C-alpha atoms as a PDB file:
ATOM      1  CA  MET A   1       0.027   0.101  -0.038  1.00  0.00           C
ATOM      2  CA  SER A   2       1.384   3.800  -0.831  1.00  0.00           C
ATOM      3  CA  TYR A   3       0.759   5.664   2.252  1.00  0.00           C
ATOM      4  CA  ARG A   4       1.228   9.734   2.005  1.00  0.00           C
ATOM      5  CA  TYR A   5       3.289   9.795   5.212  1.00  0.00           C
ATOM      6  CA  PRO A   6       4.968   6.232   5.044  1.00  0.00           C
ATOM      7  CA  ASP A   7       7.597   7.551   7.849  1.00  0.00           C
ATOM      8  CA  ALA A   8       4.593   8.109  10.711  1.00  0.00           C
ATOM      9  CA  ARG A   9       2.210   6.049  12.507  1.00  0.00           C
ATOM     10  CA  ILE A  10      -1.172   6.748  14.024  1.00  0.00           C
ATOM     11  CA  LEU A  11      -1.735   4.792  17.209  1.00  0.00           C
ATOM     12  CA  ILE A  12      -5.434   4.069  18.043  1.00  0.00           C
ATOM     13  CA  PHE A  13      -5.598   3.067  22.010  1.00  0.00           C
ATOM     14  CA  SER A  14      -8.902   0.777  22.592  1.00  0.00           C
ATOM     15  CA  LYS A  15     -10.103  -1.419  25.286  1.00  0.00           C
ATOM     16  CA  ALA A  16     -11.590  -4.761  24.751  1.00  0.00           C
ATOM     17  CA  PRO A  17     -15.619  -3.839  24.621  1.00  0.00           C
ATOM     18  CA  LEU A  18     -16.463  -6.465  27.868  1.00  0.00           C
ATOM     19  CA  PRO A  19     -19.672  -5.634  29.342  1.00  0.00           C
ATOM     20  CA  GLY A  20     -19.240  -3.524  32.458  1.00  0.00           C
ATOM     21  CA  ARG A  21     -15.316  -2.429  31.985  1.00  0.00           C
ATOM     22  CA  VAL A  22     -16.224  -0.311  28.615  1.00  0.00           C
ATOM     23  CA  LYS A  23     -18.135   2.964  28.646  1.00  0.00           C
ATOM     24  CA  THR A  24     -19.369   2.685  32.260  1.00  0.00           C
ATOM     25  CA  ARG A  25     -20.957   6.308  32.228  1.00  0.00           C
ATOM     26  CA  LEU A  26     -23.436   5.392  29.739  1.00  0.00           C
ATOM     27  CA  VAL A  27     -24.425   1.994  31.362  1.00  0.00           C
ATOM     28  CA  PRO A  28     -27.453   3.939  32.782  1.00  0.00           C
ATOM     29  CA  GLN A  29     -28.903   4.587  29.260  1.00  0.00           C
ATOM     30  CA  LEU A  30     -27.590   1.585  27.432  1.00  0.00           C
ATOM     31  CA  GLY A  31     -26.659  -1.467  29.666  1.00  0.00           C
ATOM     32  CA  GLU A  32     -23.692  -2.973  30.232  1.00  0.00           C
ATOM     33  CA  GLN A  33     -24.443  -5.054  27.094  1.00  0.00           C
ATOM     34  CA  GLY A  34     -25.179  -2.330  25.091  1.00  0.00           C
ATOM     35  CA  ALA A  35     -22.755   0.097  25.912  1.00  0.00           C
ATOM     36  CA  ALA A  36     -19.882  -2.794  25.103  1.00  0.00           C
ATOM     37  CA  ALA A  37     -21.594  -3.214  21.865  1.00  0.00           C
ATOM     38  CA  PHE A  38     -21.456   0.709  21.455  1.00  0.00           C
ATOM     39  CA  SER A  39     -18.006   0.948  22.446  1.00  0.00           C
ATOM     40  CA  ALA A  40     -17.194  -1.931  19.530  1.00  0.00           C
ATOM     41  CA  ASP A  41     -18.803   0.205  17.181  1.00  0.00           C
ATOM     42  CA  LEU A  42     -16.965   3.383  17.729  1.00  0.00           C
ATOM     43  CA  THR A  43     -13.607   1.284  17.579  1.00  0.00           C
ATOM     44  CA  ARG A  44     -14.880  -0.426  14.282  1.00  0.00           C
ATOM     45  CA  HIS A  45     -16.012   3.220  12.585  1.00  0.00           C
ATOM     46  CA  ILE A  46     -12.128   5.023  13.952  1.00  0.00           C
ATOM     47  CA  VAL A  47     -10.070   2.090  12.559  1.00  0.00           C
ATOM     48  CA  GLN A  48     -11.998   2.059   9.221  1.00  0.00           C
ATOM     49  CA  LYS A  49     -11.894   5.678   8.710  1.00  0.00           C
ATOM     50  CA  VAL A  50      -8.304   5.773   9.546  1.00  0.00           C
ATOM     51  CA  ALA A  51      -7.018   2.744   7.298  1.00  0.00           C
ATOM     52  CA  ASP A  52      -9.235   3.919   4.834  1.00  0.00           C
ATOM     53  CA  SER A  53      -7.212   7.519   4.480  1.00  0.00           C
ATOM     54  CA  GLN A  54      -4.327   5.959   3.763  1.00  0.00           C
ATOM     55  CA  LEU A  55      -2.404   8.338   5.646  1.00  0.00           C
ATOM     56  CA  CYS A  56      -0.117   5.927   7.085  1.00  0.00           C
ATOM     57  CA  PRO A  57       0.258   2.333   8.647  1.00  0.00           C
ATOM     58  CA  LEU A  58      -2.175   2.018  11.811  1.00  0.00           C
ATOM     59  CA  GLN A  59      -1.731   0.355  15.156  1.00  0.00           C
ATOM     60  CA  ILE A  60      -3.953  -0.453  17.714  1.00  0.00           C
ATOM     61  CA  TRP A  61      -3.048  -0.290  21.483  1.00  0.00           C
ATOM     62  CA  CYS A  62      -5.123  -2.813  23.077  1.00  0.00           C
ATOM     63  CA  GLU A  63      -6.253  -3.012  26.402  1.00  0.00           C
ATOM     64  CA  PRO A  64      -6.063  -5.638  28.107  1.00  0.00           C
ATOM     65  CA  ASP A  65      -4.430  -7.014  24.967  1.00  0.00           C
ATOM     66  CA  GLY A  66      -5.160  -8.024  21.647  1.00  0.00           C
ATOM     67  CA  ARG A  67      -6.941 -11.433  21.835  1.00  0.00           C
ATOM     68  CA  HIS A  68     -10.420 -10.012  21.653  1.00  0.00           C
ATOM     69  CA  ALA A  69     -12.374 -11.032  18.909  1.00  0.00           C
ATOM     70  CA  LEU A  70     -12.784  -7.485  18.126  1.00  0.00           C
ATOM     71  CA  PHE A  71      -9.228  -6.618  17.625  1.00  0.00           C
ATOM     72  CA  GLN A  72      -8.560  -9.658  15.611  1.00  0.00           C
ATOM     73  CA  GLU A  73     -11.643  -8.869  13.305  1.00  0.00           C
ATOM     74  CA  LEU A  74      -9.821  -5.694  12.557  1.00  0.00           C
ATOM     75  CA  HIS A  75      -6.084  -7.235  12.422  1.00  0.00           C
ATOM     76  CA  LYS A  76      -7.927  -9.506   9.708  1.00  0.00           C
ATOM     77  CA  ALA A  77      -9.835  -6.733   7.984  1.00  0.00           C
ATOM     78  CA  TYR A  78      -7.481  -4.002   7.881  1.00  0.00           C
ATOM     79  CA  GLY A  79      -4.363  -5.649   8.343  1.00  0.00           C
ATOM     80  CA  VAL A  80      -3.662  -3.149  11.545  1.00  0.00           C
ATOM     81  CA  GLU A  81      -0.693  -4.536  14.279  1.00  0.00           C
ATOM     82  CA  LEU A  82      -1.603  -5.361  17.403  1.00  0.00           C
ATOM     83  CA  LYS A  83       0.072  -3.729  20.391  1.00  0.00           C
ATOM     84  CA  GLN A  84      -0.656  -4.157  24.342  1.00  0.00           C
ATOM     85  CA  GLN A  85      -1.026  -1.226  26.180  1.00  0.00           C
ATOM     86  CA  GLN A  86       1.590  -0.943  29.217  1.00  0.00           C
ATOM     87  CA  GLY A  87       1.550   0.868  32.244  1.00  0.00           C
ATOM     88  CA  SER A  88      -0.379   1.690  35.723  1.00  0.00           C
ATOM     89  CA  ASP A  89      -2.439   5.052  34.243  1.00  0.00           C
ATOM     90  CA  LEU A  90      -3.106   6.613  31.218  1.00  0.00           C
ATOM     91  CA  GLY A  91      -0.332   8.704  30.983  1.00  0.00           C
ATOM     92  CA  ILE A  92       2.152   5.903  31.401  1.00  0.00           C
ATOM     93  CA  ARG A  93       0.665   3.871  29.013  1.00  0.00           C
ATOM     94  CA  MET A  94       0.718   7.043  26.278  1.00  0.00           C
ATOM     95  CA  GLY A  95       4.254   7.362  26.933  1.00  0.00           C
ATOM     96  CA  HIS A  96       5.062   3.756  26.504  1.00  0.00           C
ATOM     97  CA  ALA A  97       3.412   3.747  23.216  1.00  0.00           C
ATOM     98  CA  LEU A  98       4.788   7.233  21.809  1.00  0.00           C
ATOM     99  CA  ALA A  99       8.048   5.902  22.969  1.00  0.00           C
ATOM    100  CA  ASP A 100       7.781   2.625  20.893  1.00  0.00           C
ATOM    101  CA  GLY A 101       6.331   4.344  17.840  1.00  0.00           C
ATOM    102  CA  LEU A 102       9.292   7.283  17.735  1.00  0.00           C
ATOM    103  CA  SER A 103      11.888   3.894  18.205  1.00  0.00           C
ATOM    104  CA  THR A 104      10.841   3.076  14.232  1.00  0.00           C
ATOM    105  CA  SER A 105       8.924   6.286  12.926  1.00  0.00           C
ATOM    106  CA  ARG A 106       9.623   9.951  12.443  1.00  0.00           C
ATOM    107  CA  LEU A 107       6.135  10.863  13.454  1.00  0.00           C
ATOM    108  CA  VAL A 108       3.596   9.407  15.977  1.00  0.00           C
ATOM    109  CA  VAL A 109       0.046  10.535  16.159  1.00  0.00           C
ATOM    110  CA  LEU A 110      -2.352   8.946  18.988  1.00  0.00           C
ATOM    111  CA  ILE A 111      -5.508   9.036  19.405  1.00  0.00           C
ATOM    112  CA  GLY A 112      -8.788   7.307  21.289  1.00  0.00           C
ATOM    113  CA  SER A 113     -11.294   5.177  19.503  1.00  0.00           C
ATOM    114  CA  ASP A 114     -14.309   7.332  20.928  1.00  0.00           C
ATOM    115  CA  CYS A 115     -14.084  10.493  18.554  1.00  0.00           C
ATOM    116  CA  PRO A 116     -16.360   9.629  15.660  1.00  0.00           C
ATOM    117  CA  ALA A 117     -15.977  13.496  14.809  1.00  0.00           C
ATOM    118  CA  MET A 118     -12.174  12.769  14.058  1.00  0.00           C
ATOM    119  CA  THR A 119     -11.478  13.085  10.245  1.00  0.00           C
ATOM    120  CA  ALA A 120      -8.609  12.046   7.714  1.00  0.00           C
ATOM    121  CA  ASP A 121      -8.523  15.953   7.340  1.00  0.00           C
ATOM    122  CA  TYR A 122      -7.723  16.475  10.911  1.00  0.00           C
ATOM    123  CA  LEU A 123      -5.303  13.609  11.399  1.00  0.00           C
ATOM    124  CA  GLU A 124      -3.297  15.259   8.487  1.00  0.00           C
ATOM    125  CA  GLN A 125      -3.154  18.412  10.059  1.00  0.00           C
ATOM    126  CA  ALA A 126      -1.431  17.114  13.000  1.00  0.00           C
ATOM    127  CA  LEU A 127       1.043  15.051  10.854  1.00  0.00           C
ATOM    128  CA  GLN A 128       1.332  18.600   8.802  1.00  0.00           C
ATOM    129  CA  VAL A 129       2.378  20.320  12.322  1.00  0.00           C
ATOM    130  CA  LEU A 130       4.841  17.813  12.929  1.00  0.00           C
ATOM    131  CA  VAL A 131       6.306  17.494   9.451  1.00  0.00           C
ATOM    132  CA  HIS A 132       6.755  21.440   9.789  1.00  0.00           C
ATOM    133  CA  GLY A 133       9.036  21.210  12.897  1.00  0.00           C
ATOM    134  CA  VAL A 134       6.778  21.717  16.012  1.00  0.00           C
ATOM    135  CA  SER A 135       7.337  18.860  18.222  1.00  0.00           C
ATOM    136  CA  CYS A 136       4.025  18.066  20.007  1.00  0.00           C
ATOM    137  CA  VAL A 137       0.586  19.013  18.634  1.00  0.00           C
ATOM    138  CA  LEU A 138      -2.632  18.630  20.527  1.00  0.00           C
ATOM    139  CA  GLY A 139      -6.172  17.960  19.681  1.00  0.00           C
ATOM    140  CA  PRO A 140      -8.490  19.221  22.440  1.00  0.00           C
ATOM    141  CA  ALA A 141     -11.560  17.463  23.602  1.00  0.00           C
ATOM    142  CA  GLU A 142     -14.763  19.486  24.457  1.00  0.00           C
ATOM    143  CA  ASP A 143     -15.043  18.179  27.662  1.00  0.00           C
ATOM    144  CA  GLY A 144     -11.180  19.370  29.265  1.00  0.00           C
ATOM    145  CA  GLY A 145      -9.064  16.492  27.815  1.00  0.00           C
ATOM    146  CA  TYR A 146      -7.684  16.013  24.358  1.00  0.00           C
ATOM    147  CA  VAL A 147      -8.650  13.407  21.440  1.00  0.00           C
ATOM    148  CA  LEU A 148      -5.260  13.776  20.200  1.00  0.00           C
ATOM    149  CA  VAL A 149      -1.337  13.925  20.658  1.00  0.00           C
ATOM    150  CA  GLY A 150       1.118  13.888  18.500  1.00  0.00           C
ATOM    151  CA  GLN A 151       5.135  14.129  18.822  1.00  0.00           C
ATOM    152  CA  SER A 152       8.289  14.020  16.699  1.00  0.00           C
ATOM    153  CA  VAL A 153      10.533  14.364  19.782  1.00  0.00           C
ATOM    154  CA  LEU A 154       9.217  11.886  22.530  1.00  0.00           C
ATOM    155  CA  ASN A 155       8.193  13.902  25.882  1.00  0.00           C
ATOM    156  CA  THR A 156       6.881  11.881  28.587  1.00  0.00           C
ATOM    157  CA  ASP A 157       7.143  14.485  31.057  1.00  0.00           C
ATOM    158  CA  MET A 158       3.628  16.159  29.671  1.00  0.00           C
ATOM    159  CA  PHE A 159       1.869  12.943  31.075  1.00  0.00           C
ATOM    160  CA  GLU A 160       3.119  13.356  34.707  1.00  0.00           C
ATOM    161  CA  THR A 161       0.737  14.523  37.399  1.00  0.00           C
ATOM    162  CA  VAL A 162      -2.262  14.908  35.356  1.00  0.00           C
ATOM    163  CA  ASP A 163      -5.840  14.076  36.943  1.00  0.00           C
ATOM    164  CA  TRP A 164      -6.865  11.663  34.051  1.00  0.00           C
ATOM    165  CA  GLY A 165     -10.626  11.453  33.619  1.00  0.00           C
ATOM    166  CA  THR A 166     -11.164  15.095  34.714  1.00  0.00           C
ATOM    167  CA  MET A 167     -11.780  18.501  32.859  1.00  0.00           C
ATOM    168  CA  ASP A 168      -8.341  19.569  34.176  1.00  0.00           C
ATOM    169  CA  VAL A 169      -6.319  17.051  31.385  1.00  0.00           C
ATOM    170  CA  LEU A 170      -5.869  19.292  29.141  1.00  0.00           C
ATOM    171  CA  HIS A 171      -4.999  22.593  31.343  1.00  0.00           C
ATOM    172  CA  GLN A 172      -2.554  20.605  33.275  1.00  0.00           C
ATOM    173  CA  THR A 173      -1.043  19.501  29.957  1.00  0.00           C
ATOM    174  CA  ARG A 174      -0.458  22.726  28.802  1.00  0.00           C
ATOM    175  CA  LEU A 175       1.027  23.994  32.232  1.00  0.00           C
ATOM    176  CA  ARG A 176       3.641  20.571  32.442  1.00  0.00           C
ATOM    177  CA  LEU A 177       4.425  21.835  28.796  1.00  0.00           C
ATOM    178  CA  ARG A 178       4.555  25.659  29.310  1.00  0.00           C
ATOM    179  CA  ALA A 179       7.008  24.629  32.655  1.00  0.00           C
ATOM    180  CA  ALA A 180       9.200  22.524  30.520  1.00  0.00           C
ATOM    181  CA  GLY A 181       9.612  25.054  27.631  1.00  0.00           C
ATOM    182  CA  LEU A 182       8.304  22.852  25.203  1.00  0.00           C
ATOM    183  CA  PRO A 183       6.566  24.517  22.474  1.00  0.00           C
ATOM    184  CA  TRP A 184       3.569  22.701  21.109  1.00  0.00           C
ATOM    185  CA  SER A 185       0.845  23.745  18.495  1.00  0.00           C
ATOM    186  CA  GLU A 186      -3.328  22.787  19.129  1.00  0.00           C
ATOM    187  CA  LEU A 187      -5.728  21.862  16.519  1.00  0.00           C
ATOM    188  CA  PRO A 188      -9.479  22.763  16.662  1.00  0.00           C
ATOM    189  CA  ALA A 189     -11.374  21.256  19.403  1.00  0.00           C
ATOM    190  CA  LEU A 190     -13.634  18.029  18.999  1.00  0.00           C
ATOM    191  CA  TRP A 191     -15.932  16.098  21.231  1.00  0.00           C
ATOM    192  CA  ASP A 192     -15.863  12.551  22.279  1.00  0.00           C
ATOM    193  CA  VAL A 193     -18.232  10.057  23.469  1.00  0.00           C
ATOM    194  CA  ASP A 194     -18.877  10.457  27.347  1.00  0.00           C
ATOM    195  CA  ARG A 195     -22.234  11.813  27.779  1.00  0.00           C
ATOM    196  CA  PHE A 196     -25.700  10.620  26.662  1.00  0.00           C
ATOM    197  CA  GLU A 197     -26.090  13.508  24.496  1.00  0.00           C
ATOM    198  CA  ASP A 198     -23.112  12.072  22.465  1.00  0.00           C
ATOM    199  CA  ILE A 199     -24.872   8.560  21.731  1.00  0.00           C
ATOM    200  CA  ALA A 200     -27.337  10.150  19.088  1.00  0.00           C
ATOM    201  CA  ARG A 201     -24.592  12.314  17.560  1.00  0.00           C
ATOM    202  CA  ALA A 202     -21.966   9.664  17.384  1.00  0.00           C
ATOM    203  CA  ARG A 203     -24.463   6.947  15.646  1.00  0.00           C
ATOM    204  CA  GLY A 204     -25.410   9.645  13.514  1.00  0.00           C
ATOM    205  CA  LEU A 205     -21.805  10.130  12.219  1.00  0.00           C
ATOM    206  CA  MET A 206     -21.437   6.195  11.877  1.00  0.00           C
ATOM    207  CA  ASP A 207     -24.496   5.876   9.986  1.00  0.00           C
ATOM    208  CA  LYS A 208     -23.882   8.542   7.385  1.00  0.00           C
ATOM    209  CA  ARG A 209     -20.604   6.602   6.948  1.00  0.00           C
ATOM    210  CA  GLN A 210     -22.443   3.045   6.641  1.00  0.00           C
ATOM    211  CA  ASP A 211     -24.611   4.881   4.278  1.00  0.00           C
ATOM    212  CA  ALA A 212     -22.056   5.940   2.025  1.00  0.00           C
ATOM    213  CA  ALA A 213     -19.699   2.839   2.038  1.00  0.00           C
ATOM    214  CA  GLY A 214     -23.133   1.101   0.860  1.00  0.00           C
ATOM    215  CA  ILE A 215     -23.368   3.575  -2.085  1.00  0.00           C
ATOM    216  CA  ARG A 216     -20.055   3.182  -2.952  1.00  0.00           C
ATOM    217  CA  SER A 217     -19.943  -0.556  -3.205  1.00  0.00           C
ATOM    218  CA  ALA A 218     -23.455  -0.357  -5.018  1.00  0.00           C
ATOM    219  CA  SER A 219     -21.801   1.801  -7.672  1.00  0.00           C
ATOM    220  CA  ILE A 220     -18.787  -0.392  -7.946  1.00  0.00           C
ATOM    221  CA  ARG A 221     -21.055  -3.304  -8.190  1.00  0.00           C
ATOM    222  CA  LYS A 222     -23.156  -1.919 -11.063  1.00  0.00           C
ATOM    223  CA  ASP A 223     -19.977  -0.845 -12.764  1.00  0.00           C
ATOM    224  CA  ARG A 224     -18.807  -4.308 -12.841  1.00  0.00           C
ATOM    225  CA  LEU A 225     -22.223  -5.260 -14.223  1.00  0.00           C
ATOM    226  CA  ARG A 226     -21.693  -2.712 -17.125  1.00  0.00           C
ATOM    227  CA  ARG A 227     -18.387  -3.883 -18.330  1.00  0.00           C
ATOM    228  CA  PRO A 228     -18.160  -6.129 -21.164  1.00  0.00           C
ATOM    229  CA  ALA A 229     -17.216  -9.804 -20.659  1.00  0.00           C
ATOM    230  CA  GLY A 230     -13.749 -11.118 -21.966  1.00  0.00           C
END
């Protein structure tokens, strides 16, 4: 496959969709099984979107490991590399994944699996920031965290002393970067799926993509039927 950024990697952090272990804030609305199924759909959506973009090679960083049927399904469908998250908190796990990516690639962008609003253009903006010499890029989230972090020079200090899962994550990260005198760039803010009201708009985006994929497949089938045999 020909990639536009062959010396980059996009890393997707994803939890195995185990009932009671994922999207627990949505359990009151969806139930444990429904929240797990919804989480799996979100992961499929973002993996398909990134794979179809052909920006650069893709890795799924799995938690607890890559043995779940969902990860095996995506590995077979898209040929993505499966990696295992390592570390006692999110910051350590992200730092480990970025270090691993930068050991073999010049640019690394790490995202979660629960931001269906993320597009190929958004990811390319992040890669372009890194290509043009800024060593760190952040994609802010509307809830006070961030949906993307990219690096061309490894910096794990930015993940230390951060209250993960709170509205202060982005603010604390900025303070860490500023205190270290490290320049960074920020993309426009996006939303990720954490609240009840996010369910409908996430499903709307995923349904639109599925409809578009169905239209493309139908068009390809019609084109093949019109071609003369031989």
